[in-house]
Amino acid sequence: MSDILPIIEELADAPDHKARARWLLEVPLAVIIRDQVTIHRLLSAAGFHEGIAYFTAEIAALSATRGRDGLAPNTIRMSREYARIGIQVIARGGAEEGK
């Protein structure tokens, strides 16, 4: 029996960056916040640099102090969306990481 939750095992067992990218896009944000140390460790071990960039941007957005409009600052939102686009391309199989 593993010490990590089944949803995190899915990331640990992902065969490639495409599967890891899909996992990052589909996992509940609450899991990203709750298990961020384990997720970062798994992404690092896999050498998934674009995944780490997206993950870091998502954590920053989720942790940011929000303005009166209820949104994170523009710089954080833009960084998150830029990273998300890269992950979406990888998840679709349209590009290899770093290219």
PDB file of N, CA and C in Angstrom:
ATOM      1  N   MET A   1       0.840  -1.175   0.000  1.00  0.00           N
ATOM      2  CA  MET A   1       0.000   0.000   0.000  1.00  0.00           C
ATOM      3  C   MET A   1       0.894   1.250   0.000  1.00  0.00           C
ATOM      4  N   SER A   2       0.507   2.213  -0.785  1.00  0.00           N
ATOM      5  CA  SER A   2       1.281   3.444  -0.920  1.00  0.00           C
ATOM      6  C   SER A   2       0.889   4.453   0.153  1.00  0.00           C
ATOM      7  N   ASP A   3       1.818   5.353   0.436  1.00  0.00           N
ATOM      8  CA  ASP A   3       1.552   6.414   1.403  1.00  0.00           C
ATOM      9  C   ASP A   3       0.881   7.622   0.772  1.00  0.00           C
ATOM     10  N   ILE A   4       0.741   7.633  -0.565  1.00  0.00           N
ATOM     11  CA  ILE A   4       0.117   8.770  -1.223  1.00  0.00           C
ATOM     12  C   ILE A   4      -1.286   8.410  -1.700  1.00  0.00           C
ATOM     13  N   LEU A   5      -2.101   9.424  -1.848  1.00  0.00           N
ATOM     14  CA  LEU A   5      -3.489   9.226  -2.263  1.00  0.00           C
ATOM     15  C   LEU A   5      -3.572   8.748  -3.713  1.00  0.00           C
ATOM     16  N   PRO A   6      -4.646   8.027  -4.066  1.00  0.00           N
ATOM     17  CA  PRO A   6      -4.787   7.525  -5.435  1.00  0.00           C
ATOM     18  C   PRO A   6      -4.685   8.621  -6.508  1.00  0.00           C
ATOM     19  N   ILE A   7      -5.222   9.797  -6.235  1.00  0.00           N
ATOM     20  CA  ILE A   7      -5.152  10.860  -7.235  1.00  0.00           C
ATOM     21  C   ILE A   7      -3.711  11.311  -7.461  1.00  0.00           C
ATOM     22  N   ILE A   8      -2.883  11.272  -6.438  1.00  0.00           N
ATOM     23  CA  ILE A   8      -1.464  11.615  -6.569  1.00  0.00           C
ATOM     24  C   ILE A   8      -0.717  10.457  -7.224  1.00  0.00           C
ATOM     25  N   GLU A   9      -1.137   9.233  -6.970  1.00  0.00           N
ATOM     26  CA  GLU A   9      -0.531   8.066  -7.624  1.00  0.00           C
ATOM     27  C   GLU A   9      -0.692   8.158  -9.138  1.00  0.00           C
ATOM     28  N   GLU A  10      -1.801   8.733  -9.585  1.00  0.00           N
ATOM     29  CA  GLU A  10      -2.007   8.908 -11.029  1.00  0.00           C
ATOM     30  C   GLU A  10      -0.873   9.747 -11.616  1.00  0.00           C
ATOM     31  N   LEU A  11      -0.482  10.799 -10.934  1.00  0.00           N
ATOM     32  CA  LEU A  11       0.635  11.617 -11.402  1.00  0.00           C
ATOM     33  C   LEU A  11       1.931  10.826 -11.328  1.00  0.00           C
ATOM     34  N   ALA A  12       2.146  10.133 -10.222  1.00  0.00           N
ATOM     35  CA  ALA A  12       3.374   9.351 -10.053  1.00  0.00           C
ATOM     36  C   ALA A  12       3.510   8.278 -11.139  1.00  0.00           C
ATOM     37  N   ASP A  13       2.389   7.724 -11.575  1.00  0.00           N
ATOM     38  CA  ASP A  13       2.396   6.654 -12.570  1.00  0.00           C
ATOM     39  C   ASP A  13       2.277   7.147 -14.006  1.00  0.00           C
ATOM     40  N   ALA A  14       2.164   8.450 -14.210  1.00  0.00           N
ATOM     41  CA  ALA A  14       1.999   8.995 -15.564  1.00  0.00           C
ATOM     42  C   ALA A  14       3.190   8.585 -16.431  1.00  0.00           C
ATOM     43  N   PRO A  15       2.924   8.066 -17.629  1.00  0.00           N
ATOM     44  CA  PRO A  15       4.004   7.553 -18.462  1.00  0.00           C
ATOM     45  C   PRO A  15       4.824   8.615 -19.197  1.00  0.00           C
ATOM     46  N   ASP A  16       4.261   9.817 -19.343  1.00  0.00           N
ATOM     47  CA  ASP A  16       4.964  10.843 -20.112  1.00  0.00           C
ATOM     48  C   ASP A  16       4.461  12.231 -19.724  1.00  0.00           C
ATOM     49  N   HIS A  17       5.090  13.246 -20.305  1.00  0.00           N
ATOM     50  CA  HIS A  17       4.720  14.625 -19.978  1.00  0.00           C
ATOM     51  C   HIS A  17       3.295  14.958 -20.453  1.00  0.00           C
ATOM     52  N   LYS A  18       2.862  14.353 -21.536  1.00  0.00           N
ATOM     53  CA  LYS A  18       1.493  14.574 -22.011  1.00  0.00           C
ATOM     54  C   LYS A  18       0.493  14.158 -20.932  1.00  0.00           C
ATOM     55  N   ALA A  19       0.683  13.011 -20.343  1.00  0.00           N
ATOM     56  CA  ALA A  19      -0.208  12.528 -19.280  1.00  0.00           C
ATOM     57  C   ALA A  19      -0.087  13.407 -18.035  1.00  0.00           C
ATOM     58  N   ARG A  20       1.124  13.839 -17.729  1.00  0.00           N
ATOM     59  CA  ARG A  20       1.315  14.722 -16.569  1.00  0.00           C
ATOM     60  C   ARG A  20       0.608  16.064 -16.793  1.00  0.00           C
ATOM     61  N   ALA A  21       0.701  16.585 -18.013  1.00  0.00           N
ATOM     62  CA  ALA A  21       0.038  17.849 -18.337  1.00  0.00           C
ATOM     63  C   ALA A  21      -1.477  17.704 -18.200  1.00  0.00           C
ATOM     64  N   ARG A  22      -2.021  16.624 -18.702  1.00  0.00           N
ATOM     65  CA  ARG A  22      -3.474  16.393 -18.559  1.00  0.00           C
ATOM     66  C   ARG A  22      -3.858  16.316 -17.085  1.00  0.00           C
ATOM     67  N   TRP A  23      -3.046  15.625 -16.308  1.00  0.00           N
ATOM     68  CA  TRP A  23      -3.333  15.505 -14.874  1.00  0.00           C
ATOM     69  C   TRP A  23      -3.355  16.884 -14.226  1.00  0.00           C
ATOM     70  N   LEU A  24      -2.352  17.713 -14.526  1.00  0.00           N
ATOM     71  CA  LEU A  24      -2.294  19.058 -13.941  1.00  0.00           C
ATOM     72  C   LEU A  24      -3.515  19.896 -14.301  1.00  0.00           C
ATOM     73  N   LEU A  25      -4.004  19.751 -15.514  1.00  0.00           N
ATOM     74  CA  LEU A  25      -5.165  20.530 -15.946  1.00  0.00           C
ATOM     75  C   LEU A  25      -6.477  20.022 -15.346  1.00  0.00           C
ATOM     76  N   GLU A  26      -6.526  18.756 -15.000  1.00  0.00           N
ATOM     77  CA  GLU A  26      -7.777  18.150 -14.553  1.00  0.00           C
ATOM     78  C   GLU A  26      -7.909  17.999 -13.042  1.00  0.00           C
ATOM     79  N   VAL A  27      -6.797  17.965 -12.332  1.00  0.00           N
ATOM     80  CA  VAL A  27      -6.851  17.728 -10.889  1.00  0.00           C
ATOM     81  C   VAL A  27      -7.537  18.909 -10.190  1.00  0.00           C
ATOM     82  N   PRO A  28      -8.331  18.645  -9.169  1.00  0.00           N
ATOM     83  CA  PRO A  28      -8.928  19.756  -8.415  1.00  0.00           C
ATOM     84  C   PRO A  28      -7.861  20.671  -7.822  1.00  0.00           C
ATOM     85  N   LEU A  29      -8.128  21.948  -7.840  1.00  0.00           N
ATOM     86  CA  LEU A  29      -7.169  22.911  -7.309  1.00  0.00           C
ATOM     87  C   LEU A  29      -6.903  22.680  -5.827  1.00  0.00           C
ATOM     88  N   ALA A  30      -7.882  22.167  -5.118  1.00  0.00           N
ATOM     89  CA  ALA A  30      -7.684  21.865  -3.699  1.00  0.00           C
ATOM     90  C   ALA A  30      -6.583  20.822  -3.507  1.00  0.00           C
ATOM     91  N   VAL A  31      -6.470  19.890  -4.428  1.00  0.00           N
ATOM     92  CA  VAL A  31      -5.417  18.872  -4.351  1.00  0.00           C
ATOM     93  C   VAL A  31      -4.064  19.518  -4.600  1.00  0.00           C
ATOM     94  N   ILE A  32      -4.010  20.449  -5.546  1.00  0.00           N
ATOM     95  CA  ILE A  32      -2.751  21.142  -5.825  1.00  0.00           C
ATOM     96  C   ILE A  32      -2.260  21.872  -4.577  1.00  0.00           C
ATOM     97  N   ILE A  33      -3.154  22.561  -3.898  1.00  0.00           N
ATOM     98  CA  ILE A  33      -2.767  23.277  -2.673  1.00  0.00           C
ATOM     99  C   ILE A  33      -2.388  22.293  -1.568  1.00  0.00           C
ATOM    100  N   ARG A  34      -3.222  21.296  -1.353  1.00  0.00           N
ATOM    101  CA  ARG A  34      -3.011  20.366  -0.239  1.00  0.00           C
ATOM    102  C   ARG A  34      -1.734  19.544  -0.391  1.00  0.00           C
ATOM    103  N   ASP A  35      -1.448  19.086  -1.604  1.00  0.00           N
ATOM    104  CA  ASP A  35      -0.339  18.159  -1.823  1.00  0.00           C
ATOM    105  C   ASP A  35       0.786  18.783  -2.646  1.00  0.00           C
ATOM    106  N   GLN A  36       0.965  20.095  -2.500  1.00  0.00           N
ATOM    107  CA  GLN A  36       1.917  20.787  -3.358  1.00  0.00           C
ATOM    108  C   GLN A  36       3.357  20.296  -3.211  1.00  0.00           C
ATOM    109  N   VAL A  37       3.775  19.893  -2.034  1.00  0.00           N
ATOM    110  CA  VAL A  37       5.153  19.420  -1.859  1.00  0.00           C
ATOM    111  C   VAL A  37       5.356  18.117  -2.633  1.00  0.00           C
ATOM    112  N   THR A  38       4.431  17.200  -2.503  1.00  0.00           N
ATOM    113  CA  THR A  38       4.535  15.909  -3.205  1.00  0.00           C
ATOM    114  C   THR A  38       4.444  16.103  -4.711  1.00  0.00           C
ATOM    115  N   ILE A  39       3.527  16.943  -5.154  1.00  0.00           N
ATOM    116  CA  ILE A  39       3.365  17.191  -6.591  1.00  0.00           C
ATOM    117  C   ILE A  39       4.636  17.804  -7.162  1.00  0.00           C
ATOM    118  N   HIS A  40       5.186  18.785  -6.478  1.00  0.00           N
ATOM    119  CA  HIS A  40       6.426  19.410  -6.959  1.00  0.00           C
ATOM    120  C   HIS A  40       7.554  18.386  -7.036  1.00  0.00           C
ATOM    121  N   ARG A  41       7.641  17.546  -6.041  1.00  0.00           N
ATOM    122  CA  ARG A  41       8.682  16.499  -6.026  1.00  0.00           C
ATOM    123  C   ARG A  41       8.527  15.561  -7.220  1.00  0.00           C
ATOM    124  N   LEU A  42       7.294  15.154  -7.524  1.00  0.00           N
ATOM    125  CA  LEU A  42       7.051  14.243  -8.647  1.00  0.00           C
ATOM    126  C   LEU A  42       7.349  14.899  -9.988  1.00  0.00           C
ATOM    127  N   LEU A  43       6.947  16.150 -10.146  1.00  0.00           N
ATOM    128  CA  LEU A  43       7.221  16.869 -11.396  1.00  0.00           C
ATOM    129  C   LEU A  43       8.727  17.065 -11.585  1.00  0.00           C
ATOM    130  N   SER A  44       9.420  17.378 -10.495  1.00  0.00           N
ATOM    131  CA  SER A  44      10.875  17.558 -10.556  1.00  0.00           C
ATOM    132  C   SER A  44      11.573  16.251 -10.914  1.00  0.00           C
ATOM    133  N   ALA A  45      11.160  15.173 -10.276  1.00  0.00           N
ATOM    134  CA  ALA A  45      11.771  13.869 -10.536  1.00  0.00           C
ATOM    135  C   ALA A  45      11.583  13.443 -11.993  1.00  0.00           C
ATOM    136  N   ALA A  46      10.463  13.862 -12.585  1.00  0.00           N
ATOM    137  CA  ALA A  46      10.182  13.521 -13.980  1.00  0.00           C
ATOM    138  C   ALA A  46      10.872  14.471 -14.958  1.00  0.00           C
ATOM    139  N   GLY A  47      11.464  15.542 -14.439  1.00  0.00           N
ATOM    140  CA  GLY A  47      12.105  16.517 -15.305  1.00  0.00           C
ATOM    141  C   GLY A  47      11.116  17.306 -16.144  1.00  0.00           C
ATOM    142  N   PHE A  48       9.916  17.485 -15.622  1.00  0.00           N
ATOM    143  CA  PHE A  48       8.850  18.165 -16.360  1.00  0.00           C
ATOM    144  C   PHE A  48       8.873  19.660 -16.032  1.00  0.00           C
ATOM    145  N   HIS A  49       9.772  20.371 -16.679  1.00  0.00           N
ATOM    146  CA  HIS A  49      10.011  21.780 -16.371  1.00  0.00           C
ATOM    147  C   HIS A  49       8.816  22.676 -16.688  1.00  0.00           C
ATOM    148  N   GLU A  50       8.153  22.426 -17.805  1.00  0.00           N
ATOM    149  CA  GLU A  50       6.969  23.223 -18.137  1.00  0.00           C
ATOM    150  C   GLU A  50       5.848  22.950 -17.134  1.00  0.00           C
ATOM    151  N   GLY A  51       5.763  21.726 -16.667  1.00  0.00           N
ATOM    152  CA  GLY A  51       4.785  21.384 -15.645  1.00  0.00           C
ATOM    153  C   GLY A  51       5.064  22.095 -14.343  1.00  0.00           C
ATOM    154  N   ILE A  52       6.326  22.192 -13.981  1.00  0.00           N
ATOM    155  CA  ILE A  52       6.701  22.920 -12.766  1.00  0.00           C
ATOM    156  C   ILE A  52       6.366  24.396 -12.913  1.00  0.00           C
ATOM    157  N   ALA A  53       6.612  24.957 -14.095  1.00  0.00           N
ATOM    158  CA  ALA A  53       6.296  26.375 -14.322  1.00  0.00           C
ATOM    159  C   ALA A  53       4.794  26.620 -14.176  1.00  0.00           C
ATOM    160  N   TYR A  54       3.973  25.734 -14.749  1.00  0.00           N
ATOM    161  CA  TYR A  54       2.524  25.880 -14.622  1.00  0.00           C
ATOM    162  C   TYR A  54       2.104  25.699 -13.166  1.00  0.00           C
ATOM    163  N   PHE A  55       2.617  24.673 -12.528  1.00  0.00           N
ATOM    164  CA  PHE A  55       2.288  24.377 -11.137  1.00  0.00           C
ATOM    165  C   PHE A  55       2.624  25.568 -10.234  1.00  0.00           C
ATOM    166  N   THR A  56       3.798  26.141 -10.423  1.00  0.00           N
ATOM    167  CA  THR A  56       4.232  27.295  -9.634  1.00  0.00           C
ATOM    168  C   THR A  56       3.329  28.495  -9.877  1.00  0.00           C
ATOM    169  N   ALA A  57       2.961  28.730 -11.131  1.00  0.00           N
ATOM    170  CA  ALA A  57       2.066  29.844 -11.459  1.00  0.00           C
ATOM    171  C   ALA A  57       0.694  29.634 -10.832  1.00  0.00           C
ATOM    172  N   GLU A  58       0.217  28.407 -10.835  1.00  0.00           N
ATOM    173  CA  GLU A  58      -1.095  28.099 -10.250  1.00  0.00           C
ATOM    174  C   GLU A  58      -1.063  28.319  -8.740  1.00  0.00           C
ATOM    175  N   ILE A  59      -0.010  27.872  -8.084  1.00  0.00           N
ATOM    176  CA  ILE A  59       0.131  28.081  -6.634  1.00  0.00           C
ATOM    177  C   ILE A  59       0.171  29.570  -6.333  1.00  0.00           C
ATOM    178  N   ALA A  60       0.928  30.324  -7.122  1.00  0.00           N
ATOM    179  CA  ALA A  60       1.015  31.776  -6.909  1.00  0.00           C
ATOM    180  C   ALA A  60      -0.354  32.425  -7.044  1.00  0.00           C
ATOM    181  N   ALA A  61      -1.117  32.015  -8.045  1.00  0.00           N
ATOM    182  CA  ALA A  61      -2.451  32.589  -8.251  1.00  0.00           C
ATOM    183  C   ALA A  61      -3.398  32.216  -7.114  1.00  0.00           C
ATOM    184  N   LEU A  62      -3.313  30.989  -6.670  1.00  0.00           N
ATOM    185  CA  LEU A  62      -4.196  30.538  -5.593  1.00  0.00           C
ATOM    186  C   LEU A  62      -3.828  31.156  -4.242  1.00  0.00           C
ATOM    187  N   SER A  63      -2.575  31.558  -4.106  1.00  0.00           N
ATOM    188  CA  SER A  63      -2.089  32.097  -2.841  1.00  0.00           C
ATOM    189  C   SER A  63      -2.054  33.621  -2.792  1.00  0.00           C
ATOM    190  N   ALA A  64      -2.293  34.263  -3.916  1.00  0.00           N
ATOM    191  CA  ALA A  64      -2.163  35.723  -4.005  1.00  0.00           C
ATOM    192  C   ALA A  64      -3.264  36.444  -3.237  1.00  0.00           C
ATOM    193  N   THR A  65      -2.896  37.590  -2.704  1.00  0.00           N
ATOM    194  CA  THR A  65      -3.895  38.480  -2.128  1.00  0.00           C
ATOM    195  C   THR A  65      -4.708  39.043  -3.283  1.00  0.00           C
ATOM    196  N   ARG A  66      -6.014  38.969  -3.163  1.00  0.00           N
ATOM    197  CA  ARG A  66      -6.886  39.423  -4.239  1.00  0.00           C
ATOM    198  C   ARG A  66      -7.284  40.877  -4.040  1.00  0.00           C
ATOM    199  N   GLY A  67      -7.546  41.516  -5.151  1.00  0.00           N
ATOM    200  CA  GLY A  67      -7.976  42.908  -5.116  1.00  0.00           C
ATOM    201  C   GLY A  67      -9.454  43.028  -4.823  1.00  0.00           C
ATOM    202  N   ARG A  68      -9.934  44.235  -4.883  1.00  0.00           N
ATOM    203  CA  ARG A  68     -11.357  44.487  -4.612  1.00  0.00           C
ATOM    204  C   ARG A  68     -12.277  43.769  -5.590  1.00  0.00           C
ATOM    205  N   ASP A  69     -11.752  43.487  -6.762  1.00  0.00           N
ATOM    206  CA  ASP A  69     -12.542  42.785  -7.768  1.00  0.00           C
ATOM    207  C   ASP A  69     -12.558  41.274  -7.542  1.00  0.00           C
ATOM    208  N   GLY A  70     -11.850  40.814  -6.513  1.00  0.00           N
ATOM    209  CA  GLY A  70     -11.810  39.390  -6.192  1.00  0.00           C
ATOM    210  C   GLY A  70     -10.791  38.614  -7.000  1.00  0.00           C
ATOM    211  N   LEU A  71      -9.975  39.309  -7.783  1.00  0.00           N
ATOM    212  CA  LEU A  71      -9.009  38.650  -8.653  1.00  0.00           C
ATOM    213  C   LEU A  71      -7.586  38.902  -8.188  1.00  0.00           C
ATOM    214  N   ALA A  72      -6.723  37.972  -8.531  1.00  0.00           N
ATOM    215  CA  ALA A  72      -5.294  38.153  -8.270  1.00  0.00           C
ATOM    216  C   ALA A  72      -4.782  39.280  -9.163  1.00  0.00           C
ATOM    217  N   PRO A  73      -3.638  39.853  -8.831  1.00  0.00           N
ATOM    218  CA  PRO A  73      -3.072  40.907  -9.678  1.00  0.00           C
ATOM    219  C   PRO A  73      -2.874  40.436 -11.125  1.00  0.00           C
ATOM    220  N   ASN A  74      -2.935  41.380 -12.051  1.00  0.00           N
ATOM    221  CA  ASN A  74      -2.806  41.056 -13.475  1.00  0.00           C
ATOM    222  C   ASN A  74      -1.543  40.280 -13.795  1.00  0.00           C
ATOM    223  N   THR A  75      -0.428  40.641 -13.188  1.00  0.00           N
ATOM    224  CA  THR A  75       0.829  39.950 -13.495  1.00  0.00           C
ATOM    225  C   THR A  75       0.758  38.472 -13.140  1.00  0.00           C
ATOM    226  N   ILE A  76       0.131  38.165 -12.043  1.00  0.00           N
ATOM    227  CA  ILE A  76      -0.006  36.763 -11.624  1.00  0.00           C
ATOM    228  C   ILE A  76      -0.981  36.032 -12.538  1.00  0.00           C
ATOM    229  N   ARG A  77      -2.099  36.672 -12.854  1.00  0.00           N
ATOM    230  CA  ARG A  77      -3.081  36.027 -13.748  1.00  0.00           C
ATOM    231  C   ARG A  77      -2.494  35.785 -15.127  1.00  0.00           C
ATOM    232  N   MET A  78      -1.730  36.748 -15.637  1.00  0.00           N
ATOM    233  CA  MET A  78      -1.137  36.589 -16.966  1.00  0.00           C
ATOM    234  C   MET A  78      -0.087  35.479 -16.964  1.00  0.00           C
ATOM    235  N   SER A  79       0.718  35.411 -15.928  1.00  0.00           N
ATOM    236  CA  SER A  79       1.720  34.345 -15.826  1.00  0.00           C
ATOM    237  C   SER A  79       1.044  32.981 -15.797  1.00  0.00           C
ATOM    238  N   ARG A  80      -0.017  32.887 -15.047  1.00  0.00           N
ATOM    239  CA  ARG A  80      -0.766  31.632 -14.934  1.00  0.00           C
ATOM    240  C   ARG A  80      -1.354  31.219 -16.281  1.00  0.00           C
ATOM    241  N   GLU A  81      -1.950  32.164 -16.987  1.00  0.00           N
ATOM    242  CA  GLU A  81      -2.563  31.833 -18.278  1.00  0.00           C
ATOM    243  C   GLU A  81      -1.514  31.459 -19.319  1.00  0.00           C
ATOM    244  N   TYR A  82      -0.381  32.155 -19.316  1.00  0.00           N
ATOM    245  CA  TYR A  82       0.693  31.829 -20.242  1.00  0.00           C
ATOM    246  C   TYR A  82       1.194  30.403 -19.976  1.00  0.00           C
ATOM    247  N   ALA A  83       1.400  30.078 -18.726  1.00  0.00           N
ATOM    248  CA  ALA A  83       1.848  28.725 -18.368  1.00  0.00           C
ATOM    249  C   ALA A  83       0.784  27.687 -18.715  1.00  0.00           C
ATOM    250  N   ARG A  84      -0.483  28.039 -18.520  1.00  0.00           N
ATOM    251  CA  ARG A  84      -1.574  27.107 -18.833  1.00  0.00           C
ATOM    252  C   ARG A  84      -1.618  26.795 -20.327  1.00  0.00           C
ATOM    253  N   ILE A  85      -1.390  27.800 -21.155  1.00  0.00           N
ATOM    254  CA  ILE A  85      -1.387  27.575 -22.605  1.00  0.00           C
ATOM    255  C   ILE A  85      -0.307  26.559 -22.975  1.00  0.00           C
ATOM    256  N   GLY A  86       0.882  26.711 -22.399  1.00  0.00           N
ATOM    257  CA  GLY A  86       1.956  25.757 -22.677  1.00  0.00           C
ATOM    258  C   GLY A  86       1.597  24.342 -22.272  1.00  0.00           C
ATOM    259  N   ILE A  87       0.959  24.207 -21.127  1.00  0.00           N
ATOM    260  CA  ILE A  87       0.546  22.886 -20.642  1.00  0.00           C
ATOM    261  C   ILE A  87      -0.564  22.302 -21.521  1.00  0.00           C
ATOM    262  N   GLN A  88      -1.481  23.147 -21.972  1.00  0.00           N
ATOM    263  CA  GLN A  88      -2.549  22.671 -22.845  1.00  0.00           C
ATOM    264  C   GLN A  88      -1.996  22.125 -24.158  1.00  0.00           C
ATOM    265  N   VAL A  89      -0.999  22.791 -24.698  1.00  0.00           N
ATOM    266  CA  VAL A  89      -0.370  22.320 -25.933  1.00  0.00           C
ATOM    267  C   VAL A  89       0.267  20.955 -25.706  1.00  0.00           C
ATOM    268  N   ILE A  90       0.983  20.799 -24.597  1.00  0.00           N
ATOM    269  CA  ILE A  90       1.611  19.514 -24.281  1.00  0.00           C
ATOM    270  C   ILE A  90       0.541  18.440 -24.059  1.00  0.00           C
ATOM    271  N   ALA A  91      -0.531  18.786 -23.354  1.00  0.00           N
ATOM    272  CA  ALA A  91      -1.606  17.820 -23.068  1.00  0.00           C
ATOM    273  C   ALA A  91      -2.276  17.323 -24.347  1.00  0.00           C
ATOM    274  N   ARG A  92      -2.332  18.177 -25.355  1.00  0.00           N
ATOM    275  CA  ARG A  92      -2.919  17.779 -26.643  1.00  0.00           C
ATOM    276  C   ARG A  92      -1.934  17.001 -27.506  1.00  0.00           C
ATOM    277  N   GLY A  93      -0.680  16.974 -27.066  1.00  0.00           N
ATOM    278  CA  GLY A  93       0.332  16.287 -27.851  1.00  0.00           C
ATOM    279  C   GLY A  93       0.856  17.127 -28.993  1.00  0.00           C
ATOM    280  N   GLY A  94       0.597  18.445 -28.938  1.00  0.00           N
ATOM    281  CA  GLY A  94       0.975  19.326 -30.034  1.00  0.00           C
ATOM    282  C   GLY A  94       2.413  19.798 -29.986  1.00  0.00           C
ATOM    283  N   ALA A  95       3.107  19.559 -28.903  1.00  0.00           N
ATOM    284  CA  ALA A  95       4.499  19.996 -28.799  1.00  0.00           C
ATOM    285  C   ALA A  95       5.183  19.205 -27.687  1.00  0.00           C
ATOM    286  N   GLU A  96       6.451  19.015 -27.838  1.00  0.00           N
ATOM    287  CA  GLU A  96       7.218  18.414 -26.768  1.00  0.00           C
ATOM    288  C   GLU A  96       7.656  19.507 -25.829  1.00  0.00           C
ATOM    289  N   GLU A  97       7.822  19.157 -24.578  1.00  0.00           N
ATOM    290  CA  GLU A  97       8.227  20.145 -23.576  1.00  0.00           C
ATOM    291  C   GLU A  97       9.518  20.817 -23.997  1.00  0.00           C
ATOM    292  N   GLY A  98       9.564  22.144 -23.805  1.00  0.00           N
ATOM    293  CA  GLY A  98      10.768  22.911 -24.069  1.00  0.00           C
ATOM    294  C   GLY A  98      10.991  23.255 -25.532  1.00  0.00           C
ATOM    295  N   LYS A  99      10.034  22.936 -26.400  1.00  0.00           N
ATOM    296  CA  LYS A  99      10.215  23.219 -27.833  1.00  0.00           C
ATOM    297  C   LYS A  99       9.130  24.117 -28.345  1.00  0.00           C
TER     298      LYS A  99
END
